[in-house]
Every structure is written in structure tokens, then in C-alpha cells.
mmCIF file of all heavy atoms, coordinates in Angstrom:
data_MODEL
# 
_entry.id   MODEL 
# 
loop_
_atom_site.group_PDB 
_atom_site.id 
_atom_site.type_symbol 
_atom_site.label_atom_id 
_atom_site.label_alt_id 
_atom_site.label_comp_id 
_atom_site.label_asym_id 
_atom_site.label_entity_id 
_atom_site.label_seq_id 
_atom_site.pdbx_PDB_ins_code 
_atom_site.Cartn_x 
_atom_site.Cartn_y 
_atom_site.Cartn_z 
_atom_site.occupancy 
_atom_site.B_iso_or_equiv 
_atom_site.pdbx_formal_charge 
_atom_site.auth_seq_id 
_atom_site.auth_comp_id 
_atom_site.auth_asym_id 
_atom_site.auth_atom_id 
_atom_site.pdbx_PDB_model_num 
ATOM 1   N N   . VAL A 1 1  ? 125.120 126.371 93.784  1.00 0.00 ? 1  VAL A N   1 
ATOM 2   C CA  . VAL A 1 1  ? 125.545 125.325 94.748  1.00 0.00 ? 1  VAL A CA  1 
ATOM 3   C C   . VAL A 1 1  ? 124.403 124.891 95.597  1.00 0.00 ? 1  VAL A C   1 
ATOM 4   O O   . VAL A 1 1  ? 124.274 123.720 95.980  1.00 0.00 ? 1  VAL A O   1 
ATOM 5   C CB  . VAL A 1 1  ? 126.755 125.826 95.534  1.00 0.00 ? 1  VAL A CB  1 
ATOM 6   C CG1 . VAL A 1 1  ? 127.143 124.765 96.565  1.00 0.00 ? 1  VAL A CG1 1 
ATOM 7   C CG2 . VAL A 1 1  ? 127.954 126.038 94.580  1.00 0.00 ? 1  VAL A CG2 1 
ATOM 8   N N   . ARG A 1 2  ? 123.582 125.829 96.040  1.00 0.00 ? 2  ARG A N   1 
ATOM 9   C CA  . ARG A 1 2  ? 122.393 125.466 96.871  1.00 0.00 ? 2  ARG A CA  1 
ATOM 10  C C   . ARG A 1 2  ? 121.425 124.550 96.105  1.00 0.00 ? 2  ARG A C   1 
ATOM 11  O O   . ARG A 1 2  ? 120.891 123.621 96.680  1.00 0.00 ? 2  ARG A O   1 
ATOM 12  C CB  . ARG A 1 2  ? 121.651 126.700 97.329  1.00 0.00 ? 2  ARG A CB  1 
ATOM 13  C CG  . ARG A 1 2  ? 122.451 127.487 98.360  1.00 0.00 ? 2  ARG A CG  1 
ATOM 14  C CD  . ARG A 1 2  ? 121.726 128.781 98.809  1.00 0.00 ? 2  ARG A CD  1 
ATOM 15  N NE  . ARG A 1 2  ? 122.528 129.532 99.750  1.00 0.00 ? 2  ARG A NE  1 
ATOM 16  C CZ  . ARG A 1 2  ? 122.304 130.756 100.091 1.00 0.00 ? 2  ARG A CZ  1 
ATOM 17  N NH1 . ARG A 1 2  ? 121.331 131.460 99.568  1.00 0.00 ? 2  ARG A NH1 1 
ATOM 18  N NH2 . ARG A 1 2  ? 123.082 131.393 100.941 1.00 0.00 ? 2  ARG A NH2 1 
ATOM 19  N N   . VAL A 1 3  ? 121.298 124.788 94.804  1.00 0.00 ? 3  VAL A N   1 
ATOM 20  C CA  . VAL A 1 3  ? 120.473 123.897 93.968  1.00 0.00 ? 3  VAL A CA  1 
ATOM 21  C C   . VAL A 1 3  ? 121.125 122.544 93.903  1.00 0.00 ? 3  VAL A C   1 
ATOM 22  O O   . VAL A 1 3  ? 120.476 121.501 94.034  1.00 0.00 ? 3  VAL A O   1 
ATOM 23  C CB  . VAL A 1 3  ? 120.339 124.528 92.539  1.00 0.00 ? 3  VAL A CB  1 
ATOM 24  C CG1 . VAL A 1 3  ? 119.581 123.531 91.636  1.00 0.00 ? 3  VAL A CG1 1 
ATOM 25  C CG2 . VAL A 1 3  ? 119.583 125.842 92.609  1.00 0.00 ? 3  VAL A CG2 1 
ATOM 26  N N   . LYS A 1 4  ? 122.492 122.520 93.760  1.00 0.00 ? 4  LYS A N   1 
ATOM 27  C CA  . LYS A 1 4  ? 123.212 121.254 93.722  1.00 0.00 ? 4  LYS A CA  1 
ATOM 28  C C   . LYS A 1 4  ? 123.050 120.473 95.041  1.00 0.00 ? 4  LYS A C   1 
ATOM 29  O O   . LYS A 1 4  ? 122.980 119.250 95.042  1.00 0.00 ? 4  LYS A O   1 
ATOM 30  C CB  . LYS A 1 4  ? 124.684 121.429 93.353  1.00 0.00 ? 4  LYS A CB  1 
ATOM 31  C CG  . LYS A 1 4  ? 124.996 121.883 91.917  1.00 0.00 ? 4  LYS A CG  1 
ATOM 32  C CD  . LYS A 1 4  ? 126.426 122.157 91.748  1.00 0.00 ? 4  LYS A CD  1 
ATOM 33  C CE  . LYS A 1 4  ? 126.759 122.541 90.289  1.00 0.00 ? 4  LYS A CE  1 
ATOM 34  N NZ  . LYS A 1 4  ? 126.581 121.423 89.342  1.00 0.00 ? 4  LYS A NZ  1 
ATOM 35  N N   . ILE A 1 5  ? 123.015 121.221 96.147  1.00 0.00 ? 5  ILE A N   1 
ATOM 36  C CA  . ILE A 1 5  ? 122.895 120.570 97.443  1.00 0.00 ? 5  ILE A CA  1 
ATOM 37  C C   . ILE A 1 5  ? 121.595 119.773 97.536  1.00 0.00 ? 5  ILE A C   1 
ATOM 38  O O   . ILE A 1 5  ? 121.566 118.722 98.134  1.00 0.00 ? 5  ILE A O   1 
ATOM 39  C CB  . ILE A 1 5  ? 123.034 121.611 98.569  1.00 0.00 ? 5  ILE A CB  1 
ATOM 40  C CG1 . ILE A 1 5  ? 124.485 122.079 98.677  1.00 0.00 ? 5  ILE A CG1 1 
ATOM 41  C CG2 . ILE A 1 5  ? 122.497 121.034 99.914  1.00 0.00 ? 5  ILE A CG2 1 
ATOM 42  C CD1 . ILE A 1 5  ? 124.642 123.223 99.667  1.00 0.00 ? 5  ILE A CD1 1 
ATOM 43  N N   . THR A 1 6  ? 120.529 120.347 96.936  1.00 0.00 ? 6  THR A N   1 
ATOM 44  C CA  . THR A 1 6  ? 119.294 119.562 96.986  1.00 0.00 ? 6  THR A CA  1 
ATOM 45  C C   . THR A 1 6  ? 119.398 118.268 96.176  1.00 0.00 ? 6  THR A C   1 
ATOM 46  O O   . THR A 1 6  ? 118.717 117.294 96.501  1.00 0.00 ? 6  THR A O   1 
ATOM 47  C CB  . THR A 1 6  ? 118.062 120.409 96.423  1.00 0.00 ? 6  THR A CB  1 
ATOM 48  O OG1 . THR A 1 6  ? 118.309 120.677 95.009  1.00 0.00 ? 6  THR A OG1 1 
ATOM 49  C CG2 . THR A 1 6  ? 117.938 121.698 97.173  1.00 0.00 ? 6  THR A CG2 1 
ATOM 50  N N   . ARG A 1 7  ? 120.281 118.217 95.166  1.00 0.00 ? 7  ARG A N   1 
ATOM 51  C CA  . ARG A 1 7  ? 120.551 117.009 94.407  1.00 0.00 ? 7  ARG A CA  1 
ATOM 52  C C   . ARG A 1 7  ? 121.363 116.033 95.315  1.00 0.00 ? 7  ARG A C   1 
ATOM 53  O O   . ARG A 1 7  ? 121.100 114.827 95.378  1.00 0.00 ? 7  ARG A O   1 
ATOM 54  C CB  . ARG A 1 7  ? 121.277 117.277 93.172  1.00 0.00 ? 7  ARG A CB  1 
ATOM 55  C CG  . ARG A 1 7  ? 121.703 116.063 92.329  1.00 0.00 ? 7  ARG A CG  1 
ATOM 56  C CD  . ARG A 1 7  ? 120.567 115.315 91.748  1.00 0.00 ? 7  ARG A CD  1 
ATOM 57  N NE  . ARG A 1 7  ? 121.006 114.076 91.175  1.00 0.00 ? 7  ARG A NE  1 
ATOM 58  C CZ  . ARG A 1 7  ? 120.195 113.305 90.374  1.00 0.00 ? 7  ARG A CZ  1 
ATOM 59  N NH1 . ARG A 1 7  ? 118.959 113.737 90.094  1.00 0.00 ? 7  ARG A NH1 1 
ATOM 60  N NH2 . ARG A 1 7  ? 120.632 112.136 89.902  1.00 0.00 ? 7  ARG A NH2 1 
ATOM 61  N N   . TRP A 1 8  ? 122.348 116.589 95.985  1.00 0.00 ? 8  TRP A N   1 
ATOM 62  C CA  . TRP A 1 8  ? 123.187 115.750 96.828  1.00 0.00 ? 8  TRP A CA  1 
ATOM 63  C C   . TRP A 1 8  ? 122.337 115.212 97.982  1.00 0.00 ? 8  TRP A C   1 
ATOM 64  O O   . TRP A 1 8  ? 122.575 114.108 98.424  1.00 0.00 ? 8  TRP A O   1 
ATOM 65  C CB  . TRP A 1 8  ? 124.398 116.598 97.430  1.00 0.00 ? 8  TRP A CB  1 
ATOM 66  C CG  . TRP A 1 8  ? 125.229 117.120 96.364  1.00 0.00 ? 8  TRP A CG  1 
ATOM 67  C CD1 . TRP A 1 8  ? 125.410 116.628 95.058  1.00 0.00 ? 8  TRP A CD1 1 
ATOM 68  C CD2 . TRP A 1 8  ? 126.128 118.280 96.427  1.00 0.00 ? 8  TRP A CD2 1 
ATOM 69  N NE1 . TRP A 1 8  ? 126.309 117.393 94.385  1.00 0.00 ? 8  TRP A NE1 1 
ATOM 70  C CE2 . TRP A 1 8  ? 126.770 118.429 95.152  1.00 0.00 ? 8  TRP A CE2 1 
ATOM 71  C CE3 . TRP A 1 8  ? 126.422 119.176 97.425  1.00 0.00 ? 8  TRP A CE3 1 
ATOM 72  C CZ2 . TRP A 1 8  ? 127.672 119.411 94.875  1.00 0.00 ? 8  TRP A CZ2 1 
ATOM 73  C CZ3 . TRP A 1 8  ? 127.350 120.210 97.178  1.00 0.00 ? 8  TRP A CZ3 1 
ATOM 74  C CH2 . TRP A 1 8  ? 127.933 120.352 95.904  1.00 0.00 ? 8  TRP A CH2 1 
ATOM 75  N N   . ALA A 1 9  ? 121.419 115.951 98.495  1.00 0.00 ? 9  ALA A N   1 
ATOM 76  C CA  . ALA A 1 9  ? 120.516 115.418 99.539  1.00 0.00 ? 9  ALA A CA  1 
ATOM 77  C C   . ALA A 1 9  ? 119.741 114.223 99.048  1.00 0.00 ? 9  ALA A C   1 
ATOM 78  O O   . ALA A 1 9  ? 119.602 113.199 99.776  1.00 0.00 ? 9  ALA A O   1 
ATOM 79  C CB  . ALA A 1 9  ? 119.525 116.478 99.991  1.00 0.00 ? 9  ALA A CB  1 
ATOM 80  N N   . PHE A 1 10 ? 119.252 114.255 97.827  1.00 0.00 ? 10 PHE A N   1 
ATOM 81  C CA  . PHE A 1 10 ? 118.555 113.127 97.208  1.00 0.00 ? 10 PHE A CA  1 
ATOM 82  C C   . PHE A 1 10 ? 119.480 111.907 97.116  1.00 0.00 ? 10 PHE A C   1 
ATOM 83  O O   . PHE A 1 10 ? 119.122 110.816 97.481  1.00 0.00 ? 10 PHE A O   1 
ATOM 84  C CB  . PHE A 1 10 ? 118.002 113.442 95.847  1.00 0.00 ? 10 PHE A CB  1 
ATOM 85  C CG  . PHE A 1 10 ? 117.855 112.301 94.921  1.00 0.00 ? 10 PHE A CG  1 
ATOM 86  C CD1 . PHE A 1 10 ? 116.872 111.345 95.176  1.00 0.00 ? 10 PHE A CD1 1 
ATOM 87  C CD2 . PHE A 1 10 ? 118.692 112.073 93.865  1.00 0.00 ? 10 PHE A CD2 1 
ATOM 88  C CE1 . PHE A 1 10 ? 116.704 110.165 94.354  1.00 0.00 ? 10 PHE A CE1 1 
ATOM 89  C CE2 . PHE A 1 10 ? 118.605 110.969 93.025  1.00 0.00 ? 10 PHE A CE2 1 
ATOM 90  C CZ  . PHE A 1 10 ? 117.591 109.978 93.284  1.00 0.00 ? 10 PHE A CZ  1 
ATOM 91  N N   . GLU A 1 11 ? 120.710 112.174 96.609  1.00 0.00 ? 11 GLU A N   1 
ATOM 92  C CA  . GLU A 1 11 ? 121.601 111.040 96.397  1.00 0.00 ? 11 GLU A CA  1 
ATOM 93  C C   . GLU A 1 11 ? 121.993 110.408 97.752  1.00 0.00 ? 11 GLU A C   1 
ATOM 94  O O   . GLU A 1 11 ? 122.003 109.157 97.857  1.00 0.00 ? 11 GLU A O   1 
ATOM 95  C CB  . GLU A 1 11 ? 122.917 111.597 95.736  1.00 0.00 ? 11 GLU A CB  1 
ATOM 96  C CG  . GLU A 1 11 ? 122.672 112.013 94.271  1.00 0.00 ? 11 GLU A CG  1 
ATOM 97  C CD  . GLU A 1 11 ? 123.882 112.685 93.673  1.00 0.00 ? 11 GLU A CD  1 
ATOM 98  O OE1 . GLU A 1 11 ? 124.871 112.914 94.373  1.00 0.00 ? 11 GLU A OE1 1 
ATOM 99  O OE2 . GLU A 1 11 ? 123.817 112.937 92.450  1.00 0.00 ? 11 GLU A OE2 1 
ATOM 100 N N   . SER A 1 12 ? 122.265 111.168 98.778  1.00 0.00 ? 12 SER A N   1 
ATOM 101 C CA  . SER A 1 12 ? 122.572 110.597 100.100 1.00 0.00 ? 12 SER A CA  1 
ATOM 102 C C   . SER A 1 12 ? 121.383 109.802 100.630 1.00 0.00 ? 12 SER A C   1 
ATOM 103 O O   . SER A 1 12 ? 121.581 108.724 101.202 1.00 0.00 ? 12 SER A O   1 
ATOM 104 C CB  . SER A 1 12 ? 123.021 111.687 101.042 1.00 0.00 ? 12 SER A CB  1 
ATOM 105 O OG  . SER A 1 12 ? 124.186 112.355 100.629 1.00 0.00 ? 12 SER A OG  1 
ATOM 106 N N   . LEU A 1 13 ? 120.224 110.400 100.552 1.00 0.00 ? 13 LEU A N   1 
ATOM 107 C CA  . LEU A 1 13 ? 119.064 109.752 101.110 1.00 0.00 ? 13 LEU A CA  1 
ATOM 108 C C   . LEU A 1 13 ? 118.688 108.493 100.365 1.00 0.00 ? 13 LEU A C   1 
ATOM 109 O O   . LEU A 1 13 ? 118.253 107.540 101.003 1.00 0.00 ? 13 LEU A O   1 
ATOM 110 C CB  . LEU A 1 13 ? 117.857 110.711 101.106 1.00 0.00 ? 13 LEU A CB  1 
ATOM 111 C CG  . LEU A 1 13 ? 116.712 110.396 102.017 1.00 0.00 ? 13 LEU A CG  1 
ATOM 112 C CD1 . LEU A 1 13 ? 117.167 110.127 103.456 1.00 0.00 ? 13 LEU A CD1 1 
ATOM 113 C CD2 . LEU A 1 13 ? 115.663 111.467 102.047 1.00 0.00 ? 13 LEU A CD2 1 
ATOM 114 N N   . SER A 1 14 ? 118.820 108.477 99.054  1.00 0.00 ? 14 SER A N   1 
ATOM 115 C CA  . SER A 1 14 ? 118.498 107.275 98.236  1.00 0.00 ? 14 SER A CA  1 
ATOM 116 C C   . SER A 1 14 ? 119.516 106.168 98.620  1.00 0.00 ? 14 SER A C   1 
ATOM 117 O O   . SER A 1 14 ? 119.109 104.975 98.691  1.00 0.00 ? 14 SER A O   1 
ATOM 118 C CB  . SER A 1 14 ? 118.474 107.540 96.730  1.00 0.00 ? 14 SER A CB  1 
ATOM 119 O OG  . SER A 1 14 ? 119.761 108.114 96.338  1.00 0.00 ? 14 SER A OG  1 
ATOM 120 N N   . ASP A 1 15 ? 120.763 106.513 98.838  1.00 0.00 ? 15 ASP A N   1 
ATOM 121 C CA  . ASP A 1 15 ? 121.731 105.554 99.291  1.00 0.00 ? 15 ASP A CA  1 
ATOM 122 C C   . ASP A 1 15 ? 121.309 104.942 100.677 1.00 0.00 ? 15 ASP A C   1 
ATOM 123 O O   . ASP A 1 15 ? 121.327 103.700 100.827 1.00 0.00 ? 15 ASP A O   1 
ATOM 124 C CB  . ASP A 1 15 ? 123.086 106.221 99.463  1.00 0.00 ? 15 ASP A CB  1 
ATOM 125 C CG  . ASP A 1 15 ? 123.807 106.466 98.138  1.00 0.00 ? 15 ASP A CG  1 
ATOM 126 O OD1 . ASP A 1 15 ? 123.221 106.199 97.135  1.00 0.00 ? 15 ASP A OD1 1 
ATOM 127 O OD2 . ASP A 1 15 ? 124.950 106.989 98.157  1.00 0.00 ? 15 ASP A OD2 1 
ATOM 128 N N   . GLY A 1 16 ? 120.978 105.814 101.592 1.00 0.00 ? 16 GLY A N   1 
ATOM 129 C CA  . GLY A 1 16 ? 120.610 105.372 102.878 1.00 0.00 ? 16 GLY A CA  1 
ATOM 130 C C   . GLY A 1 16 ? 119.323 104.526 102.903 1.00 0.00 ? 16 GLY A C   1 
ATOM 131 O O   . GLY A 1 16 ? 119.254 103.494 103.570 1.00 0.00 ? 16 GLY A O   1 
ATOM 132 N N   . ALA A 1 17 ? 118.334 105.006 102.118 1.00 0.00 ? 17 ALA A N   1 
ATOM 133 C CA  . ALA A 1 17 ? 117.082 104.218 102.031 1.00 0.00 ? 17 ALA A CA  1 
ATOM 134 C C   . ALA A 1 17 ? 117.310 102.852 101.410 1.00 0.00 ? 17 ALA A C   1 
ATOM 135 O O   . ALA A 1 17 ? 116.733 101.858 101.881 1.00 0.00 ? 17 ALA A O   1 
ATOM 136 C CB  . ALA A 1 17 ? 116.070 105.011 101.210 1.00 0.00 ? 17 ALA A CB  1 
ATOM 137 N N   . THR A 1 18 ? 118.178 102.771 100.389 1.00 0.00 ? 18 THR A N   1 
ATOM 138 C CA  . THR A 1 18 ? 118.417 101.461 99.695  1.00 0.00 ? 18 THR A CA  1 
ATOM 139 C C   . THR A 1 18 ? 119.042 100.535 100.715 1.00 0.00 ? 18 THR A C   1 
ATOM 140 O O   . THR A 1 18 ? 118.680 99.366  100.814 1.00 0.00 ? 18 THR A O   1 
ATOM 141 C CB  . THR A 1 18 ? 119.375 101.722 98.576  1.00 0.00 ? 18 THR A CB  1 
ATOM 142 O OG1 . THR A 1 18 ? 118.731 102.550 97.540  1.00 0.00 ? 18 THR A OG1 1 
ATOM 143 C CG2 . THR A 1 18 ? 119.766 100.382 97.859  1.00 0.00 ? 18 THR A CG2 1 
ATOM 144 N N   . THR A 1 19 ? 120.074 101.003 101.439 1.00 0.00 ? 19 THR A N   1 
ATOM 145 C CA  . THR A 1 19 ? 120.732 100.138 102.403 1.00 0.00 ? 19 THR A CA  1 
ATOM 146 C C   . THR A 1 19 ? 119.784 99.662  103.520 1.00 0.00 ? 19 THR A C   1 
ATOM 147 O O   . THR A 1 19 ? 119.698 98.479  103.847 1.00 0.00 ? 19 THR A O   1 
ATOM 148 C CB  . THR A 1 19 ? 121.893 100.868 103.064 1.00 0.00 ? 19 THR A CB  1 
ATOM 149 O OG1 . THR A 1 19 ? 122.873 101.193 102.036 1.00 0.00 ? 19 THR A OG1 1 
ATOM 150 C CG2 . THR A 1 19 ? 122.594 100.082 104.136 1.00 0.00 ? 19 THR A CG2 1 
ATOM 151 N N   . ALA A 1 20 ? 118.988 100.595 104.060 1.00 0.00 ? 20 ALA A N   1 
ATOM 152 C CA  . ALA A 1 20 ? 118.106 100.264 105.163 1.00 0.00 ? 20 ALA A CA  1 
ATOM 153 C C   . ALA A 1 20 ? 116.950 99.329  104.746 1.00 0.00 ? 20 ALA A C   1 
ATOM 154 O O   . ALA A 1 20 ? 116.648 98.406  105.402 1.00 0.00 ? 20 ALA A O   1 
ATOM 155 C CB  . ALA A 1 20 ? 117.499 101.550 105.790 1.00 0.00 ? 20 ALA A CB  1 
ATOM 156 N N   . VAL A 1 21 ? 116.403 99.611  103.551 1.00 0.00 ? 21 VAL A N   1 
ATOM 157 C CA  . VAL A 1 21 ? 115.328 98.675  103.069 1.00 0.00 ? 21 VAL A CA  1 
ATOM 158 C C   . VAL A 1 21 ? 115.799 97.261  102.831 1.00 0.00 ? 21 VAL A C   1 
ATOM 159 O O   . VAL A 1 21 ? 115.214 96.263  103.258 1.00 0.00 ? 21 VAL A O   1 
ATOM 160 C CB  . VAL A 1 21 ? 114.663 99.307  101.835 1.00 0.00 ? 21 VAL A CB  1 
ATOM 161 C CG1 . VAL A 1 21 ? 113.823 98.244  101.082 1.00 0.00 ? 21 VAL A CG1 1 
ATOM 162 C CG2 . VAL A 1 21 ? 113.876 100.536 102.125 1.00 0.00 ? 21 VAL A CG2 1 
ATOM 163 N N   . ARG A 1 22 ? 116.910 97.215  102.056 1.00 0.00 ? 22 ARG A N   1 
ATOM 164 C CA  . ARG A 1 22 ? 117.405 95.812  101.690 1.00 0.00 ? 22 ARG A CA  1 
ATOM 165 C C   . ARG A 1 22 ? 117.832 95.099  102.984 1.00 0.00 ? 22 ARG A C   1 
ATOM 166 O O   . ARG A 1 22 ? 117.505 93.875  103.131 1.00 0.00 ? 22 ARG A O   1 
ATOM 167 C CB  . ARG A 1 22 ? 118.614 95.935  100.784 1.00 0.00 ? 22 ARG A CB  1 
ATOM 168 C CG  . ARG A 1 22 ? 118.217 96.328  99.348  1.00 0.00 ? 22 ARG A CG  1 
ATOM 169 C CD  . ARG A 1 22 ? 119.429 96.491  98.453  1.00 0.00 ? 22 ARG A CD  1 
ATOM 170 N NE  . ARG A 1 22 ? 119.016 96.772  97.096  1.00 0.00 ? 22 ARG A NE  1 
ATOM 171 C CZ  . ARG A 1 22 ? 119.894 97.170  96.111  1.00 0.00 ? 22 ARG A CZ  1 
ATOM 172 N NH1 . ARG A 1 22 ? 121.153 97.330  96.401  1.00 0.00 ? 22 ARG A NH1 1 
ATOM 173 N NH2 . ARG A 1 22 ? 119.458 97.445  94.908  1.00 0.00 ? 22 ARG A NH2 1 
ATOM 174 N N   . TYR A 1 23 ? 118.495 95.700  103.880 1.00 0.00 ? 23 TYR A N   1 
ATOM 175 C CA  . TYR A 1 23 ? 118.898 95.061  105.125 1.00 0.00 ? 23 TYR A CA  1 
ATOM 176 C C   . TYR A 1 23 ? 117.735 94.685  105.988 1.00 0.00 ? 23 TYR A C   1 
ATOM 177 O O   . TYR A 1 23 ? 117.707 93.590  106.546 1.00 0.00 ? 23 TYR A O   1 
ATOM 178 C CB  . TYR A 1 23 ? 119.868 95.982  105.987 1.00 0.00 ? 23 TYR A CB  1 
ATOM 179 C CG  . TYR A 1 23 ? 120.287 95.305  107.235 1.00 0.00 ? 23 TYR A CG  1 
ATOM 180 C CD1 . TYR A 1 23 ? 121.136 94.207  107.262 1.00 0.00 ? 23 TYR A CD1 1 
ATOM 181 C CD2 . TYR A 1 23 ? 119.897 95.846  108.463 1.00 0.00 ? 23 TYR A CD2 1 
ATOM 182 C CE1 . TYR A 1 23 ? 121.538 93.625  108.447 1.00 0.00 ? 23 TYR A CE1 1 
ATOM 183 C CE2 . TYR A 1 23 ? 120.248 95.226  109.682 1.00 0.00 ? 23 TYR A CE2 1 
ATOM 184 C CZ  . TYR A 1 23 ? 121.053 94.158  109.627 1.00 0.00 ? 23 TYR A CZ  1 
ATOM 185 O OH  . TYR A 1 23 ? 121.478 93.559  110.814 1.00 0.00 ? 23 TYR A OH  1 
ATOM 186 N N   . SER A 1 24 ? 116.681 95.530  105.968 1.00 0.00 ? 24 SER A N   1 
ATOM 187 C CA  . SER A 1 24 ? 115.489 95.216  106.755 1.00 0.00 ? 24 SER A CA  1 
ATOM 188 C C   . SER A 1 24 ? 114.717 94.058  106.265 1.00 0.00 ? 24 SER A C   1 
ATOM 189 O O   . SER A 1 24 ? 113.878 93.476  106.962 1.00 0.00 ? 24 SER A O   1 
ATOM 190 C CB  . SER A 1 24 ? 114.589 96.469  106.844 1.00 0.00 ? 24 SER A CB  1 
ATOM 191 O OG  . SER A 1 24 ? 115.246 97.523  107.489 1.00 0.00 ? 24 SER A OG  1 
ATOM 192 N N   . VAL A 1 25 ? 114.911 93.690  104.966 1.00 0.00 ? 25 VAL A N   1 
ATOM 193 C CA  . VAL A 1 25 ? 114.296 92.519  104.405 1.00 0.00 ? 25 VAL A CA  1 
ATOM 194 C C   . VAL A 1 25 ? 115.111 91.305  104.656 1.00 0.00 ? 25 VAL A C   1 
ATOM 195 O O   . VAL A 1 25 ? 114.595 90.227  104.936 1.00 0.00 ? 25 VAL A O   1 
ATOM 196 C CB  . VAL A 1 25 ? 114.116 92.771  102.897 1.00 0.00 ? 25 VAL A CB  1 
ATOM 197 C CG1 . VAL A 1 25 ? 113.836 91.423  102.168 1.00 0.00 ? 25 VAL A CG1 1 
ATOM 198 C CG2 . VAL A 1 25 ? 113.012 93.775  102.606 1.00 0.00 ? 25 VAL A CG2 1 
# 
């Protein structure tokens, strides 16, 4: 589960980065 959490961290951050980058443009 700790290994999976590192995957979930990527997924959440990629979601946030996508939203922030597109909106900032």
C-alpha cells in the first residue's frame, strides 16, 4: 500500500499540475 501511495501521489499531482498549467495559460 505504501508503494501504491507513491502512485496515488503522482496521480494527484499530475491532476493538479494539469489544472494549474492550463488555467495559468
